[in-house]
Protein backbone atom coordinates (compact mmCIF):
# COMPACT_ATOMS: atom_id res chain seq x y z
CA MET A 1 -4.54 -23.74 -0.74
CA ALA A 2 -3.02 -22.82 -3.84
CA TYR A 3 -2.41 -19.35 -4.50
CA LYS A 4 -1.40 -17.90 -7.11
CA HIS A 5 1.24 -15.91 -6.43
CA SER A 6 4.67 -16.66 -4.12
CA ASN A 7 5.19 -13.12 -2.85
CA GLY A 8 3.26 -10.39 -2.68
CA LEU A 9 4.09 -6.95 -1.31
CA VAL A 10 1.38 -4.35 -0.66
CA PHE A 11 2.32 -0.78 0.48
CA GLY A 12 1.66 2.54 1.44
CA ASN A 13 1.67 5.08 3.97
CA TRP A 14 -2.05 3.73 5.56
CA ASP A 15 -3.23 6.66 7.31
CA ARG A 16 -7.15 6.53 7.48
CA PHE A 17 -7.15 2.92 7.72
CA HIS A 18 -9.80 2.70 5.45
CA ASP A 19 -12.39 0.24 2.86
CA GLY A 20 -9.44 1.09 -0.21
CA HIS A 21 -6.64 0.36 2.01
CA LYS A 22 -8.85 -3.40 3.38
CA ALA A 23 -9.89 -4.14 0.12
CA ALA A 24 -6.51 -4.25 -1.01
CA LEU A 25 -4.85 -6.23 1.70
CA GLN A 26 -7.70 -9.03 1.24
CA LYS A 27 -7.11 -9.45 -2.29
CA ALA A 28 -3.19 -9.92 -1.28
CA PHE A 29 -3.93 -12.51 0.93
CA GLU A 30 -6.29 -14.11 -1.49
CA LEU A 31 -3.51 -14.16 -4.26
CA CYS A 32 -0.15 -14.86 -2.01
CA GLU A 33 1.14 -16.75 0.17
CA THR A 34 2.89 -14.45 2.23
CA VAL A 35 2.68 -11.21 1.97
CA LEU A 36 4.99 -8.05 2.99
CA VAL A 37 3.02 -5.05 4.14
CA VAL A 38 5.52 -2.26 4.06
CA TYR A 39 4.75 1.28 5.54
CA THR A 40 6.09 4.32 4.66
CA LYS A 41 6.08 7.21 8.13
CA ALA A 42 6.05 9.74 5.77
CA LEU A 43 3.41 10.15 3.27
CA TYR A 44 4.43 11.37 -0.60
CA HIS A 45 2.80 14.07 -1.26
CA VAL A 46 3.32 15.57 2.46
CA GLN A 47 6.91 15.47 1.22
CA GLN A 48 5.83 17.18 -2.15
CA SER A 49 4.26 20.23 -0.39
CA GLN A 50 4.94 20.24 3.08
CA GLU A 51 1.29 20.19 5.06
CA THR A 52 1.67 18.18 7.92
CA TRP A 53 -1.95 18.38 9.54
CA GLY A 54 -3.65 15.73 10.80
CA ILE A 55 -0.81 12.63 9.65
CA GLU A 56 -1.69 9.88 12.18
CA ASP A 57 1.06 8.67 13.87
CA ILE A 58 3.07 5.76 12.48
CA ASP A 59 2.64 3.05 15.16
CA PHE A 60 -1.55 4.11 15.61
CA ARG A 61 -1.18 3.23 11.44
CA ARG A 62 0.72 -0.20 12.19
CA SER A 63 -1.55 -1.39 14.73
CA VAL A 64 -4.44 -0.26 12.82
CA VAL A 65 -3.32 -2.39 9.79
CA GLU A 66 -1.15 -5.27 11.58
CA SER A 67 -5.07 -5.56 14.37
CA HIS A 68 -7.22 -5.46 10.79
CA ILE A 69 -5.21 -8.40 8.97
CA ASP A 70 -5.09 -10.98 13.01
CA GLY A 71 -8.53 -10.60 13.15
CA VAL A 72 -9.88 -9.85 9.75
CA ILE A 73 -8.54 -11.25 7.78
CA CYS A 74 -6.68 -13.58 9.95
CA ALA A 75 -3.35 -14.09 7.86
CA GLY A 76 -1.20 -16.12 10.76
CA GLY A 77 2.51 -16.24 9.42
CA ARG A 78 1.77 -15.46 5.56
CA VAL A 79 2.43 -11.74 6.41
CA SER A 80 5.51 -9.99 7.16
CA TYR A 81 5.98 -5.83 7.30
CA ALA A 82 8.89 -3.26 7.33
CA VAL A 83 8.99 0.31 7.56
CA TYR A 84 10.43 2.84 5.70
CA ASP A 85 11.72 6.42 6.30
CA ASN A 86 10.14 7.70 3.35
CA LEU A 87 8.58 5.57 -0.33
CA SER A 88 12.13 6.75 -2.17
CA ASP A 89 14.12 4.81 0.67
CA PHE A 90 11.79 1.51 -0.01
CA LEU A 91 12.54 1.79 -3.14
CA ALA A 92 16.37 1.82 -2.43
CA ASP A 93 16.27 -0.91 -0.65
CA VAL A 94 13.54 -3.14 -3.52
CA THR A 95 15.85 -6.03 -4.79
CA SER A 96 16.33 -6.91 -1.28
CA HIS A 97 12.95 -7.64 -0.84
CA ASP A 98 11.71 -11.19 -2.53
CA PHE A 99 7.93 -10.23 -4.34
CA ASP A 100 6.31 -12.30 -7.22
CA ALA A 101 3.37 -9.29 -7.19
CA VAL A 102 2.69 -6.17 -6.82
CA ILE A 103 -0.73 -5.16 -5.00
CA VAL A 104 -2.14 -1.74 -6.51
CA SER A 105 -5.47 0.43 -6.54
CA ASP A 106 -6.41 0.68 -10.12
CA LYS A 107 -5.57 3.98 -9.80
CA ASP A 108 -2.47 3.59 -9.77
CA CYS A 109 -2.24 1.09 -12.39
CA GLY A 110 -2.46 3.43 -15.38
CA ASN A 111 0.85 4.75 -13.32
CA CYS A 112 2.12 0.62 -13.22
CA TRP A 113 4.98 0.23 -11.45
CA ALA A 114 7.88 0.45 -14.14
CA ARG A 115 6.55 3.45 -15.33
CA THR A 116 5.96 5.08 -11.76
CA TYR A 117 9.52 3.83 -11.11
CA PRO A 118 11.44 3.86 -13.22
CA GLY A 119 14.93 1.45 -13.40
CA LYS A 120 13.88 0.08 -10.44
CA VAL A 121 12.81 -3.23 -13.12
CA GLN A 122 15.69 -3.33 -13.77
CA ASP A 123 17.40 -3.26 -10.27
CA LEU A 124 15.26 -6.15 -10.14
CA ILE A 125 16.22 -8.47 -12.51
CA SER A 126 19.63 -8.36 -12.89
CA ALA A 127 19.86 -8.34 -8.70
CA GLY A 128 18.40 -11.87 -10.34
CA LYS A 129 14.73 -11.10 -10.06
CA SER A 130 12.04 -11.47 -12.66
CA GLU A 131 9.35 -8.58 -12.91
CA PRO A 132 6.59 -8.40 -10.77
CA ILE A 133 3.18 -9.07 -11.97
CA LEU A 134 0.75 -5.90 -11.33
CA GLU A 135 -2.71 -6.80 -9.15
CA SER A 136 -5.51 -4.88 -9.35
CA VAL A 137 -7.78 -4.04 -6.63
CA ASP A 138 -10.97 -1.78 -7.57
CA VAL A 139 -10.58 1.55 -6.84
CA VAL A 140 -13.84 2.21 -3.63
CA TYR A 141 -16.00 5.61 -4.07
CA MET A 142 -16.99 8.26 -1.76
CA ALA A 143 -20.77 9.33 -1.64
CA ASP A 144 -19.97 11.98 -3.97
CA GLY A 145 -18.53 9.28 -6.70
CA GLN A 146 -14.80 10.55 -6.04
CA ALA A 147 -11.70 7.09 -5.17
CA LEU A 148 -11.23 7.35 -1.81
CA SER A 149 -7.70 7.90 -0.36
CA SER A 150 -5.97 9.24 2.95
CA SER A 151 -5.20 12.75 1.60
CA LYS A 152 -9.20 13.40 0.68
CA LEU A 153 -10.17 12.33 4.02
CA ARG A 154 -8.00 14.26 5.92
CA LYS A 155 -8.67 17.37 3.83
CA ARG A 156 -11.73 16.52 4.54
CA GLU A 157 -11.81 16.41 8.43
CA LYS A 158 -9.84 19.90 8.34
CA LEU A 159 -12.51 21.82 6.56
CA GLY A 160 -14.87 20.36 8.61
CA MET A 161 -16.92 19.10 5.88
CA PRO A 162 -18.59 15.32 6.53
CA LEU A 163 -16.23 12.33 5.09
CA GLY A 164 -18.35 10.91 2.23
CA ILE A 165 -17.98 7.35 3.00
């Protein structure tokens, strides 16, 4: 099978594994010969707000994601994993990874890799790598029309609301 990209990157905290996560992983394995799945232990918005209610343990998040990749996507030896304490640590180490595509959701694509992480594209180029191509995944919506996200699911759980997925 011919793939559009050699090495893809998909990253996140993978809390409350949901259909949006599944869509990103599916797209990554459809487009890329190999995929690096990056986990961050800390959640970005939680770092900002210091709210820690209901965050799933990193080992649990990893087991759910990796079970999905092994059992549903059947990626075989096409996947590797990396775990970082937080997004900043991953970005500081970004040039140590080889990837030519970054899989992002449409809601993130408006920010785009270069604008969201200023200087990282230049770091990659300075390290002799090319600028990665952004591949977007359609946003998955909840029953109320809001974009599905882990933080929204966590908030609804905390308030005892229906999840709406």
